[in-house]
């Protein structure tokens, strides 16, 4: 899935902010790993950063006053998006508290805008992952009526909305394409631990055999 979009499949859906990340020389593999740069916890905080920086520079947020962390590439930690969305469930004053951690002091309107950006990036990432998963299931012609998908990763596990959004969207897409698949498939997501190491060990054992 990591190379999906490298041949331009996603170009018409990319915003200017996305293109800044995808093609940035300071990011690994400029112009490559497009889907990964739109969905992973490594890159989403950077998209958030350049969006907020743009709106601040335009004078639309925080009275045009930026912070060092917003100005600096990689200034937003990977834990930030889950934190701000979790804070949003408690009220905008809690969102303001999270923003203070990156030296942004603003009004409720600024907090609400940041929360909306974080939710939007999460929702889109979930939709892209769900589309990829549903596509793999559909083209695999899986004969059974249920399938387990194991998921690993700290961003997936710590994010308050990402897991449920991916699960719901994947099931909705499969239900909508039931006539193509030939039967209904119920998807169950299970959290995996140390999945990369186990997968590598499995492949190594298979090659030896």
N, C-alpha and C. Protein backbone atom coordinates (compact mmCIF):
# COMPACT_ATOMS: atom_id res chain seq x y z
N UNK A 1 0.82 -1.20 0.00
CA UNK A 1 0.00 0.00 0.00
C UNK A 1 0.86 1.25 0.00
N UNK A 2 2.10 1.14 0.52
CA UNK A 2 2.92 2.32 0.70
C UNK A 2 3.26 3.06 -0.58
N UNK A 3 3.26 2.35 -1.73
CA UNK A 3 3.61 2.99 -3.00
C UNK A 3 2.39 3.48 -3.77
N UNK A 4 1.20 3.25 -3.24
CA UNK A 4 -0.02 3.70 -3.92
C UNK A 4 0.01 5.22 -4.04
N UNK A 5 -0.18 5.72 -5.24
CA UNK A 5 -0.14 7.15 -5.49
C UNK A 5 1.15 7.62 -6.13
N UNK A 6 2.17 6.75 -6.14
CA UNK A 6 3.46 7.14 -6.71
C UNK A 6 3.39 7.37 -8.22
N UNK A 7 2.40 6.77 -8.88
CA UNK A 7 2.24 6.93 -10.32
C UNK A 7 1.13 7.92 -10.68
N UNK A 8 0.75 8.74 -9.70
CA UNK A 8 -0.21 9.79 -9.97
C UNK A 8 -1.66 9.44 -9.72
N UNK A 9 -1.92 8.25 -9.13
CA UNK A 9 -3.31 7.84 -8.92
C UNK A 9 -4.08 8.78 -8.00
N UNK A 10 -3.37 9.47 -7.12
CA UNK A 10 -4.04 10.33 -6.14
C UNK A 10 -3.87 11.82 -6.43
N UNK A 11 -3.24 12.16 -7.55
CA UNK A 11 -2.89 13.55 -7.82
C UNK A 11 -4.08 14.50 -7.77
N UNK A 12 -5.22 14.07 -8.32
CA UNK A 12 -6.37 14.96 -8.38
C UNK A 12 -6.99 15.23 -7.01
N UNK A 13 -6.60 14.45 -6.02
CA UNK A 13 -7.15 14.62 -4.68
C UNK A 13 -6.19 15.38 -3.74
N UNK A 14 -4.98 15.64 -4.20
CA UNK A 14 -3.99 16.28 -3.34
C UNK A 14 -4.22 17.78 -3.25
N UNK A 15 -4.17 18.30 -2.04
CA UNK A 15 -4.22 19.74 -1.84
C UNK A 15 -2.80 20.32 -1.99
N UNK A 16 -2.71 21.64 -1.99
CA UNK A 16 -1.40 22.26 -2.04
C UNK A 16 -0.56 21.90 -0.84
N UNK A 17 -1.21 21.75 0.32
CA UNK A 17 -0.49 21.35 1.54
C UNK A 17 0.07 19.94 1.40
N UNK A 18 -0.73 19.04 0.82
CA UNK A 18 -0.27 17.67 0.61
C UNK A 18 0.95 17.64 -0.30
N UNK A 19 0.88 18.42 -1.37
CA UNK A 19 1.98 18.44 -2.33
C UNK A 19 3.26 18.95 -1.69
N UNK A 20 3.11 19.91 -0.77
CA UNK A 20 4.29 20.41 -0.06
C UNK A 20 5.00 19.28 0.69
N UNK A 21 4.21 18.39 1.29
CA UNK A 21 4.78 17.28 2.05
C UNK A 21 5.30 16.19 1.13
N UNK A 22 4.50 15.83 0.13
CA UNK A 22 4.86 14.72 -0.77
C UNK A 22 6.17 15.00 -1.50
N UNK A 23 6.35 16.24 -1.94
CA UNK A 23 7.50 16.57 -2.78
C UNK A 23 8.62 17.29 -2.02
N UNK A 24 8.45 17.49 -0.73
CA UNK A 24 9.44 18.25 0.04
C UNK A 24 10.80 17.54 0.05
N UNK A 25 11.84 18.30 -0.19
CA UNK A 25 13.18 17.72 -0.20
C UNK A 25 13.64 17.32 1.19
N UNK A 26 13.01 17.92 2.22
CA UNK A 26 13.41 17.59 3.59
C UNK A 26 12.69 16.35 4.12
N UNK A 27 11.78 15.79 3.30
CA UNK A 27 11.09 14.56 3.67
C UNK A 27 11.74 13.37 2.96
N UNK A 28 11.65 12.18 3.55
CA UNK A 28 12.20 10.99 2.88
C UNK A 28 11.51 10.73 1.54
N UNK A 29 12.25 10.31 0.56
CA UNK A 29 11.71 9.89 -0.74
C UNK A 29 10.76 10.92 -1.35
N UNK A 30 11.25 12.10 -1.71
CA UNK A 30 10.39 13.12 -2.33
C UNK A 30 9.65 12.58 -3.55
N UNK A 31 8.34 12.84 -3.59
CA UNK A 31 7.51 12.39 -4.70
C UNK A 31 7.08 10.95 -4.61
N UNK A 32 7.53 10.23 -3.60
CA UNK A 32 7.20 8.82 -3.43
C UNK A 32 6.46 8.61 -2.11
N UNK A 33 5.97 7.36 -1.93
CA UNK A 33 5.25 6.99 -0.70
C UNK A 33 4.10 7.97 -0.43
N UNK A 34 3.35 8.27 -1.47
CA UNK A 34 2.30 9.30 -1.38
C UNK A 34 1.25 8.92 -0.35
N UNK A 35 0.74 7.70 -0.44
CA UNK A 35 -0.33 7.31 0.47
C UNK A 35 0.15 7.33 1.92
N UNK A 36 1.39 6.90 2.14
CA UNK A 36 1.93 6.90 3.50
C UNK A 36 2.00 8.32 4.06
N UNK A 37 2.35 9.27 3.21
CA UNK A 37 2.48 10.65 3.66
C UNK A 37 1.14 11.31 3.92
N UNK A 38 0.06 10.65 3.52
CA UNK A 38 -1.28 11.19 3.76
C UNK A 38 -1.98 10.53 4.94
N UNK A 39 -1.42 9.42 5.44
CA UNK A 39 -2.16 8.68 6.47
C UNK A 39 -1.37 8.37 7.74
N UNK A 40 -0.05 8.46 7.71
CA UNK A 40 0.72 7.96 8.86
C UNK A 40 0.94 9.03 9.92
N UNK A 41 1.15 8.55 11.13
CA UNK A 41 1.39 9.44 12.26
C UNK A 41 2.70 10.18 12.18
N UNK A 42 3.57 9.76 11.26
CA UNK A 42 4.84 10.46 11.06
C UNK A 42 4.64 11.76 10.29
N UNK A 43 3.70 11.72 9.32
CA UNK A 43 3.54 12.85 8.41
C UNK A 43 2.33 13.74 8.70
N UNK A 44 1.27 13.20 9.27
CA UNK A 44 0.07 14.01 9.51
C UNK A 44 0.34 15.23 10.39
N UNK A 45 1.15 15.11 11.45
CA UNK A 45 1.45 16.31 12.24
C UNK A 45 2.15 17.40 11.42
N UNK A 46 2.94 16.99 10.43
CA UNK A 46 3.64 17.97 9.59
C UNK A 46 2.66 18.67 8.65
N UNK A 47 1.66 17.93 8.13
CA UNK A 47 0.62 18.57 7.33
C UNK A 47 -0.15 19.56 8.19
N UNK A 48 -0.48 19.15 9.41
CA UNK A 48 -1.16 20.06 10.34
C UNK A 48 -0.33 21.32 10.55
N UNK A 49 0.97 21.14 10.74
CA UNK A 49 1.85 22.28 11.01
C UNK A 49 1.85 23.28 9.85
N UNK A 50 2.01 22.79 8.62
CA UNK A 50 2.10 23.72 7.50
C UNK A 50 0.75 24.37 7.20
N UNK A 51 -0.35 23.67 7.51
CA UNK A 51 -1.67 24.29 7.34
C UNK A 51 -1.85 25.43 8.33
N UNK A 52 -1.57 25.17 9.60
CA UNK A 52 -1.73 26.20 10.62
C UNK A 52 -0.77 27.36 10.36
N UNK A 53 0.45 27.06 9.97
CA UNK A 53 1.41 28.12 9.66
C UNK A 53 0.90 29.00 8.52
N UNK A 54 0.32 28.39 7.50
CA UNK A 54 -0.22 29.15 6.37
C UNK A 54 -1.32 30.10 6.84
N UNK A 55 -2.24 29.59 7.65
CA UNK A 55 -3.35 30.43 8.11
C UNK A 55 -2.87 31.53 9.05
N UNK A 56 -1.84 31.24 9.84
CA UNK A 56 -1.26 32.27 10.71
C UNK A 56 -0.59 33.35 9.86
N UNK A 57 0.18 32.92 8.87
CA UNK A 57 0.87 33.88 8.00
C UNK A 57 -0.12 34.75 7.23
N UNK A 58 -1.32 34.20 6.97
CA UNK A 58 -2.36 34.97 6.29
C UNK A 58 -3.15 35.85 7.26
N UNK A 59 -2.82 35.76 8.54
CA UNK A 59 -3.51 36.56 9.55
C UNK A 59 -4.88 36.04 9.92
N UNK A 60 -5.15 34.77 9.61
CA UNK A 60 -6.47 34.19 9.84
C UNK A 60 -6.58 33.47 11.17
N UNK A 61 -5.45 33.19 11.82
CA UNK A 61 -5.46 32.49 13.10
C UNK A 61 -4.44 33.11 14.03
N UNK A 62 -4.71 33.04 15.30
CA UNK A 62 -3.79 33.47 16.36
C UNK A 62 -3.25 34.89 16.14
N UNK A 63 -4.12 35.74 15.58
CA UNK A 63 -3.75 37.14 15.33
C UNK A 63 -2.45 37.28 14.54
N UNK A 64 -2.16 36.28 13.73
CA UNK A 64 -0.96 36.34 12.90
C UNK A 64 0.33 36.09 13.64
N UNK A 65 0.23 35.64 14.89
CA UNK A 65 1.43 35.41 15.71
C UNK A 65 1.77 33.92 15.70
N UNK A 66 2.94 33.57 15.19
CA UNK A 66 3.36 32.18 15.08
C UNK A 66 4.19 31.78 16.30
N UNK A 67 4.55 30.51 16.37
CA UNK A 67 5.44 30.02 17.43
C UNK A 67 6.62 29.31 16.80
N UNK A 68 7.67 29.12 17.57
CA UNK A 68 8.86 28.45 17.05
C UNK A 68 8.54 27.04 16.56
N UNK A 69 7.65 26.35 17.26
CA UNK A 69 7.33 24.97 16.88
C UNK A 69 6.54 24.91 15.59
N UNK A 70 5.69 25.88 15.35
CA UNK A 70 4.95 25.93 14.09
C UNK A 70 5.88 26.34 12.96
N UNK A 71 6.84 27.19 13.24
CA UNK A 71 7.80 27.64 12.23
C UNK A 71 8.80 26.55 11.84
N UNK A 72 9.05 25.61 12.75
CA UNK A 72 10.13 24.64 12.57
C UNK A 72 9.63 23.33 11.95
N UNK A 73 10.32 22.87 10.92
CA UNK A 73 10.00 21.58 10.31
C UNK A 73 10.10 20.49 11.37
N UNK A 74 9.06 19.67 11.47
CA UNK A 74 9.05 18.61 12.48
C UNK A 74 8.78 19.11 13.88
N UNK A 75 8.28 20.34 13.99
CA UNK A 75 8.06 20.93 15.31
C UNK A 75 6.86 20.38 16.07
N UNK A 76 5.98 19.66 15.37
CA UNK A 76 4.79 19.09 16.01
C UNK A 76 5.03 17.61 16.27
N UNK A 77 4.97 17.16 17.51
CA UNK A 77 5.21 15.74 17.82
C UNK A 77 4.09 14.84 17.32
N UNK A 78 4.39 13.57 17.13
CA UNK A 78 3.40 12.63 16.64
C UNK A 78 2.21 12.45 17.56
N UNK A 79 2.40 12.72 18.84
CA UNK A 79 1.32 12.55 19.81
C UNK A 79 0.34 13.71 19.82
N UNK A 80 0.63 14.77 19.06
CA UNK A 80 -0.15 16.00 19.16
C UNK A 80 -1.58 15.83 18.67
N UNK A 81 -1.77 15.23 17.50
CA UNK A 81 -3.13 15.10 16.95
C UNK A 81 -4.05 14.29 17.86
N UNK A 82 -3.62 13.12 18.35
CA UNK A 82 -4.48 12.42 19.31
C UNK A 82 -4.78 13.26 20.55
N UNK A 83 -3.81 14.02 21.02
CA UNK A 83 -4.01 14.85 22.21
C UNK A 83 -5.06 15.93 21.98
N UNK A 84 -4.97 16.62 20.85
CA UNK A 84 -5.88 17.73 20.61
C UNK A 84 -7.31 17.23 20.36
N UNK A 85 -7.44 16.08 19.71
CA UNK A 85 -8.78 15.53 19.48
C UNK A 85 -9.38 15.01 20.77
N UNK A 86 -8.56 14.38 21.60
CA UNK A 86 -9.04 13.92 22.90
C UNK A 86 -9.46 15.11 23.77
N UNK A 87 -8.67 16.18 23.72
CA UNK A 87 -9.00 17.38 24.49
C UNK A 87 -10.30 18.00 24.01
N UNK A 88 -10.57 17.87 22.71
CA UNK A 88 -11.79 18.44 22.15
C UNK A 88 -13.06 17.83 22.71
N UNK A 89 -12.98 16.61 23.21
CA UNK A 89 -14.16 15.98 23.81
C UNK A 89 -14.49 16.57 25.17
N UNK A 90 -13.52 17.31 25.74
CA UNK A 90 -13.71 17.90 27.06
C UNK A 90 -14.03 19.39 27.01
N UNK A 91 -13.83 19.98 25.84
CA UNK A 91 -14.14 21.41 25.70
C UNK A 91 -12.99 22.17 25.07
N UNK A 92 -13.30 23.32 24.47
CA UNK A 92 -12.29 24.10 23.77
C UNK A 92 -11.23 24.66 24.70
N UNK A 93 -11.57 24.84 25.97
CA UNK A 93 -10.55 25.31 26.91
C UNK A 93 -9.44 24.27 27.08
N UNK A 94 -9.80 23.00 26.97
CA UNK A 94 -8.78 21.94 27.04
C UNK A 94 -7.94 21.90 25.76
N UNK A 95 -8.57 22.23 24.64
CA UNK A 95 -7.82 22.33 23.39
C UNK A 95 -6.81 23.47 23.49
N UNK A 96 -7.23 24.58 24.09
CA UNK A 96 -6.31 25.70 24.30
C UNK A 96 -5.10 25.27 25.13
N UNK A 97 -5.34 24.43 26.13
CA UNK A 97 -4.24 23.96 26.98
C UNK A 97 -3.22 23.15 26.16
N UNK A 98 -3.73 22.32 25.24
CA UNK A 98 -2.83 21.53 24.39
C UNK A 98 -2.04 22.45 23.47
N UNK A 99 -2.70 23.48 22.95
CA UNK A 99 -2.02 24.41 22.04
C UNK A 99 -0.93 25.20 22.75
N UNK A 100 -1.14 25.46 24.02
CA UNK A 100 -0.11 26.18 24.79
C UNK A 100 1.19 25.38 24.83
N UNK A 101 1.06 24.05 24.76
CA UNK A 101 2.26 23.20 24.77
C UNK A 101 3.15 23.43 23.56
N UNK A 102 2.57 23.98 22.47
CA UNK A 102 3.39 24.32 21.30
C UNK A 102 3.44 25.85 21.15
N UNK A 103 3.27 26.52 22.29
CA UNK A 103 3.43 27.99 22.37
C UNK A 103 2.46 28.76 21.49
N UNK A 104 1.24 28.24 21.36
CA UNK A 104 0.19 28.95 20.65
C UNK A 104 -0.90 29.35 21.64
N UNK A 105 -1.08 30.63 21.81
CA UNK A 105 -2.11 31.14 22.71
C UNK A 105 -3.18 31.83 21.87
N UNK A 106 -4.40 31.32 21.92
CA UNK A 106 -5.44 31.88 21.08
C UNK A 106 -6.80 31.85 21.72
N UNK A 107 -7.76 32.36 20.97
CA UNK A 107 -9.15 32.39 21.41
C UNK A 107 -9.82 31.04 21.12
N UNK A 108 -11.08 30.93 21.54
CA UNK A 108 -11.83 29.71 21.26
C UNK A 108 -11.90 29.44 19.75
N UNK A 109 -12.01 30.50 18.96
CA UNK A 109 -12.10 30.32 17.51
C UNK A 109 -10.84 29.67 16.96
N UNK A 110 -9.69 30.04 17.50
CA UNK A 110 -8.43 29.43 17.07
C UNK A 110 -8.37 27.96 17.48
N UNK A 111 -8.80 27.68 18.70
CA UNK A 111 -8.82 26.30 19.19
C UNK A 111 -9.77 25.45 18.36
N UNK A 112 -10.93 26.01 18.03
CA UNK A 112 -11.91 25.27 17.23
C UNK A 112 -11.37 24.99 15.83
N UNK A 113 -10.66 25.97 15.25
CA UNK A 113 -10.08 25.78 13.92
C UNK A 113 -9.03 24.68 13.94
N UNK A 114 -8.17 24.69 14.95
CA UNK A 114 -7.13 23.65 15.06
C UNK A 114 -7.75 22.27 15.26
N UNK A 115 -8.79 22.21 16.06
CA UNK A 115 -9.48 20.94 16.29
C UNK A 115 -10.11 20.44 15.00
N UNK A 116 -10.71 21.34 14.23
CA UNK A 116 -11.34 20.96 12.96
C UNK A 116 -10.30 20.44 11.97
N UNK A 117 -9.14 21.08 11.91
CA UNK A 117 -8.08 20.62 11.01
C UNK A 117 -7.61 19.22 11.42
N UNK A 118 -7.43 19.00 12.71
CA UNK A 118 -6.98 17.70 13.20
C UNK A 118 -8.01 16.61 12.88
N UNK A 119 -9.29 16.93 13.06
CA UNK A 119 -10.35 15.95 12.76
C UNK A 119 -10.42 15.67 11.27
N UNK A 120 -10.28 16.71 10.47
CA UNK A 120 -10.35 16.55 9.02
C UNK A 120 -9.23 15.66 8.51
N UNK A 121 -8.02 15.90 9.00
CA UNK A 121 -6.88 15.07 8.59
C UNK A 121 -7.07 13.62 9.02
N UNK A 122 -7.63 13.43 10.20
CA UNK A 122 -7.91 12.08 10.70
C UNK A 122 -8.95 11.38 9.85
N UNK A 123 -10.04 12.09 9.56
CA UNK A 123 -11.15 11.52 8.79
C UNK A 123 -10.67 11.13 7.39
N UNK A 124 -9.88 12.00 6.78
CA UNK A 124 -9.39 11.69 5.43
C UNK A 124 -8.43 10.50 5.47
N UNK A 125 -7.53 10.48 6.45
CA UNK A 125 -6.59 9.36 6.57
C UNK A 125 -7.34 8.05 6.74
N UNK A 126 -8.37 8.06 7.58
CA UNK A 126 -9.16 6.85 7.80
C UNK A 126 -9.83 6.40 6.51
N UNK A 127 -10.36 7.35 5.74
CA UNK A 127 -11.01 7.02 4.48
C UNK A 127 -10.05 6.41 3.47
N UNK A 128 -8.84 6.95 3.40
CA UNK A 128 -7.85 6.42 2.46
C UNK A 128 -7.42 5.01 2.85
N UNK A 129 -7.18 4.80 4.14
CA UNK A 129 -6.80 3.46 4.61
C UNK A 129 -7.94 2.47 4.35
N UNK A 130 -9.17 2.89 4.65
CA UNK A 130 -10.33 2.02 4.45
C UNK A 130 -10.48 1.66 2.98
N UNK A 131 -10.28 2.62 2.09
CA UNK A 131 -10.40 2.36 0.66
C UNK A 131 -9.37 1.33 0.20
N UNK A 132 -8.14 1.46 0.71
CA UNK A 132 -7.09 0.50 0.36
C UNK A 132 -7.42 -0.90 0.88
N UNK A 133 -7.87 -0.98 2.13
CA UNK A 133 -8.19 -2.28 2.71
C UNK A 133 -9.37 -2.93 1.99
N UNK A 134 -10.41 -2.16 1.74
CA UNK A 134 -11.58 -2.70 1.05
C UNK A 134 -11.21 -3.15 -0.36
N UNK A 135 -10.34 -2.39 -1.01
CA UNK A 135 -9.90 -2.76 -2.35
C UNK A 135 -9.14 -4.07 -2.36
N UNK A 136 -8.26 -4.25 -1.39
CA UNK A 136 -7.49 -5.50 -1.29
C UNK A 136 -8.43 -6.69 -1.07
N UNK A 137 -9.40 -6.51 -0.17
CA UNK A 137 -10.35 -7.59 0.11
C UNK A 137 -11.15 -7.93 -1.14
N UNK A 138 -11.59 -6.90 -1.87
CA UNK A 138 -12.43 -7.13 -3.04
C UNK A 138 -11.67 -7.87 -4.15
N UNK A 139 -10.46 -7.43 -4.45
CA UNK A 139 -9.73 -8.05 -5.57
C UNK A 139 -9.16 -9.42 -5.19
N UNK A 140 -9.10 -9.72 -3.89
CA UNK A 140 -8.56 -11.02 -3.47
C UNK A 140 -9.58 -12.15 -3.64
N UNK A 141 -10.85 -11.78 -3.91
CA UNK A 141 -11.91 -12.79 -4.06
C UNK A 141 -11.97 -13.72 -2.85
N UNK A 142 -11.88 -13.13 -1.67
CA UNK A 142 -11.87 -13.92 -0.43
C UNK A 142 -13.18 -14.69 -0.32
N UNK A 143 -13.13 -16.01 -0.20
CA UNK A 143 -14.34 -16.82 -0.28
C UNK A 143 -15.19 -16.82 0.99
N UNK A 144 -14.61 -16.47 2.13
CA UNK A 144 -15.35 -16.57 3.38
C UNK A 144 -16.14 -15.30 3.66
N UNK A 145 -17.04 -15.39 4.62
CA UNK A 145 -17.93 -14.27 4.93
C UNK A 145 -17.43 -13.40 6.07
N UNK A 146 -16.28 -13.74 6.60
CA UNK A 146 -15.69 -12.91 7.65
C UNK A 146 -14.18 -12.89 7.47
N UNK A 147 -13.58 -11.79 7.87
CA UNK A 147 -12.13 -11.65 7.73
C UNK A 147 -11.59 -10.83 8.88
N UNK A 148 -10.45 -11.23 9.40
CA UNK A 148 -9.78 -10.50 10.48
C UNK A 148 -8.64 -9.67 9.89
N UNK A 149 -8.55 -8.43 10.30
CA UNK A 149 -7.45 -7.56 9.89
C UNK A 149 -6.69 -7.16 11.15
N UNK A 150 -5.41 -7.53 11.20
CA UNK A 150 -4.58 -7.20 12.36
C UNK A 150 -3.88 -5.87 12.12
N UNK A 151 -3.91 -5.02 13.11
CA UNK A 151 -3.36 -3.66 12.97
C UNK A 151 -2.38 -3.40 14.10
N UNK A 152 -1.27 -2.77 13.75
CA UNK A 152 -0.26 -2.38 14.73
C UNK A 152 0.08 -0.91 14.52
N UNK A 153 0.80 -0.33 15.45
CA UNK A 153 1.23 1.06 15.32
C UNK A 153 0.73 1.93 16.45
N UNK A 154 1.62 2.73 17.01
CA UNK A 154 1.27 3.57 18.16
C UNK A 154 0.24 4.63 17.82
N UNK A 155 0.30 5.17 16.60
CA UNK A 155 -0.65 6.22 16.21
C UNK A 155 -2.07 5.65 16.16
N UNK A 156 -2.22 4.47 15.59
CA UNK A 156 -3.52 3.80 15.52
C UNK A 156 -4.05 3.50 16.91
N UNK A 157 -3.17 3.03 17.78
CA UNK A 157 -3.59 2.62 19.11
C UNK A 157 -3.91 3.80 20.03
N UNK A 158 -3.21 4.91 19.84
CA UNK A 158 -3.38 6.04 20.76
C UNK A 158 -4.43 7.05 20.30
N UNK A 159 -4.77 7.02 19.03
CA UNK A 159 -5.70 8.02 18.49
C UNK A 159 -7.13 7.69 18.89
N UNK A 160 -7.88 8.65 19.43
CA UNK A 160 -9.23 8.36 19.91
C UNK A 160 -10.27 8.15 18.81
N UNK A 161 -9.99 8.56 17.57
CA UNK A 161 -10.97 8.44 16.49
C UNK A 161 -10.53 7.54 15.34
N UNK A 162 -9.24 7.39 15.15
CA UNK A 162 -8.74 6.75 13.94
C UNK A 162 -9.21 5.31 13.78
N UNK A 163 -9.06 4.51 14.81
CA UNK A 163 -9.41 3.09 14.71
C UNK A 163 -10.88 2.89 14.37
N UNK A 164 -11.77 3.54 15.10
CA UNK A 164 -13.20 3.36 14.86
C UNK A 164 -13.59 3.88 13.48
N UNK A 165 -12.96 4.96 13.03
CA UNK A 165 -13.28 5.52 11.72
C UNK A 165 -12.85 4.57 10.60
N UNK A 166 -11.65 4.01 10.71
CA UNK A 166 -11.18 3.06 9.70
C UNK A 166 -12.09 1.84 9.65
N UNK A 167 -12.46 1.33 10.81
CA UNK A 167 -13.30 0.14 10.86
C UNK A 167 -14.67 0.40 10.23
N UNK A 168 -15.29 1.51 10.59
CA UNK A 168 -16.62 1.83 10.07
C UNK A 168 -16.58 2.05 8.56
N UNK A 169 -15.58 2.79 8.08
CA UNK A 169 -15.50 3.09 6.65
C UNK A 169 -15.18 1.86 5.83
N UNK A 170 -14.31 1.00 6.34
CA UNK A 170 -13.98 -0.23 5.62
C UNK A 170 -15.22 -1.10 5.46
N UNK A 171 -15.99 -1.25 6.54
CA UNK A 171 -17.20 -2.06 6.46
C UNK A 171 -18.23 -1.45 5.52
N UNK A 172 -18.38 -0.12 5.57
CA UNK A 172 -19.32 0.56 4.68
C UNK A 172 -18.95 0.35 3.21
N UNK A 173 -17.66 0.44 2.90
CA UNK A 173 -17.22 0.25 1.52
C UNK A 173 -17.47 -1.18 1.05
N UNK A 174 -17.18 -2.14 1.90
CA UNK A 174 -17.41 -3.54 1.53
C UNK A 174 -18.90 -3.83 1.37
N UNK A 175 -19.72 -3.27 2.25
CA UNK A 175 -21.17 -3.46 2.14
C UNK A 175 -21.68 -2.86 0.84
N UNK A 176 -21.10 -1.72 0.45
CA UNK A 176 -21.54 -1.06 -0.78
C UNK A 176 -21.11 -1.78 -2.04
N UNK A 177 -20.12 -2.66 -1.93
CA UNK A 177 -19.64 -3.41 -3.09
C UNK A 177 -19.96 -4.90 -2.98
N UNK A 178 -20.97 -5.20 -2.18
CA UNK A 178 -21.32 -6.61 -1.97
C UNK A 178 -21.68 -7.30 -3.28
N UNK A 179 -22.30 -6.55 -4.21
CA UNK A 179 -22.71 -7.16 -5.48
C UNK A 179 -21.50 -7.52 -6.35
N UNK A 180 -20.39 -6.80 -6.15
CA UNK A 180 -19.17 -7.12 -6.90
C UNK A 180 -18.47 -8.33 -6.28
N UNK A 181 -18.47 -8.39 -4.95
CA UNK A 181 -17.78 -9.47 -4.25
C UNK A 181 -18.55 -10.78 -4.36
N UNK A 182 -19.88 -10.69 -4.40
CA UNK A 182 -20.70 -11.88 -4.51
C UNK A 182 -21.32 -12.32 -3.21
N UNK A 183 -20.85 -11.80 -2.10
CA UNK A 183 -21.41 -12.12 -0.80
C UNK A 183 -20.95 -11.06 0.20
N UNK A 184 -21.66 -11.00 1.32
CA UNK A 184 -21.31 -10.03 2.35
C UNK A 184 -20.09 -10.50 3.13
N UNK A 185 -19.19 -9.57 3.42
CA UNK A 185 -18.02 -9.88 4.23
C UNK A 185 -18.02 -9.00 5.47
N UNK A 186 -17.96 -9.63 6.63
CA UNK A 186 -17.88 -8.91 7.89
C UNK A 186 -16.41 -8.80 8.29
N UNK A 187 -15.96 -7.57 8.50
CA UNK A 187 -14.56 -7.33 8.83
C UNK A 187 -14.41 -7.10 10.33
N UNK A 188 -13.45 -7.77 10.93
CA UNK A 188 -13.12 -7.57 12.34
C UNK A 188 -11.66 -7.11 12.44
N UNK A 189 -11.45 -6.02 13.14
CA UNK A 189 -10.10 -5.51 13.33
C UNK A 189 -9.56 -5.96 14.69
N UNK A 190 -8.34 -6.44 14.68
CA UNK A 190 -7.71 -6.89 15.91
C UNK A 190 -6.36 -6.18 16.07
N UNK A 191 -6.09 -5.75 17.28
CA UNK A 191 -4.83 -5.07 17.55
C UNK A 191 -3.71 -6.08 17.65
N UNK A 192 -2.65 -5.83 16.91
CA UNK A 192 -1.48 -6.70 16.92
C UNK A 192 -0.37 -6.04 17.72
N UNK A 193 0.48 -6.84 18.31
CA UNK A 193 1.62 -6.32 19.06
C UNK A 193 2.90 -6.86 18.44
N UNK A 194 3.82 -5.95 18.14
CA UNK A 194 5.08 -6.31 17.50
C UNK A 194 4.82 -7.00 16.17
N UNK A 195 3.83 -6.47 15.44
CA UNK A 195 3.42 -7.11 14.20
C UNK A 195 4.50 -7.15 13.14
N UNK A 196 5.32 -6.11 13.04
CA UNK A 196 6.36 -6.08 12.02
C UNK A 196 7.38 -7.19 12.22
N UNK A 197 7.79 -7.38 13.47
CA UNK A 197 8.77 -8.43 13.77
C UNK A 197 8.20 -9.81 13.50
N UNK A 198 6.93 -10.02 13.89
CA UNK A 198 6.30 -11.32 13.66
C UNK A 198 6.14 -11.59 12.17
N UNK A 199 5.77 -10.54 11.42
CA UNK A 199 5.61 -10.71 9.98
C UNK A 199 6.92 -11.04 9.31
N UNK A 200 7.99 -10.37 9.72
CA UNK A 200 9.31 -10.64 9.16
C UNK A 200 9.75 -12.06 9.48
N UNK A 201 9.48 -12.51 10.70
CA UNK A 201 9.84 -13.87 11.10
C UNK A 201 9.07 -14.90 10.28
N UNK A 202 7.78 -14.62 10.04
CA UNK A 202 6.95 -15.54 9.26
C UNK A 202 7.47 -15.66 7.83
N UNK A 203 7.82 -14.52 7.21
CA UNK A 203 8.32 -14.55 5.85
C UNK A 203 9.67 -15.27 5.77
N UNK A 204 10.51 -15.03 6.77
CA UNK A 204 11.81 -15.70 6.80
C UNK A 204 11.64 -17.21 6.90
N UNK A 205 10.73 -17.63 7.77
CA UNK A 205 10.48 -19.06 7.94
C UNK A 205 9.91 -19.67 6.66
N UNK A 206 9.03 -18.92 5.99
CA UNK A 206 8.43 -19.42 4.75
C UNK A 206 9.48 -19.58 3.66
N UNK A 207 10.42 -18.63 3.59
CA UNK A 207 11.47 -18.70 2.58
C UNK A 207 12.42 -19.87 2.84
N UNK A 208 12.70 -20.11 4.12
CA UNK A 208 13.57 -21.24 4.48
C UNK A 208 12.90 -22.55 4.11
N UNK A 209 11.59 -22.63 4.40
CA UNK A 209 10.86 -23.85 4.08
C UNK A 209 10.80 -24.08 2.57
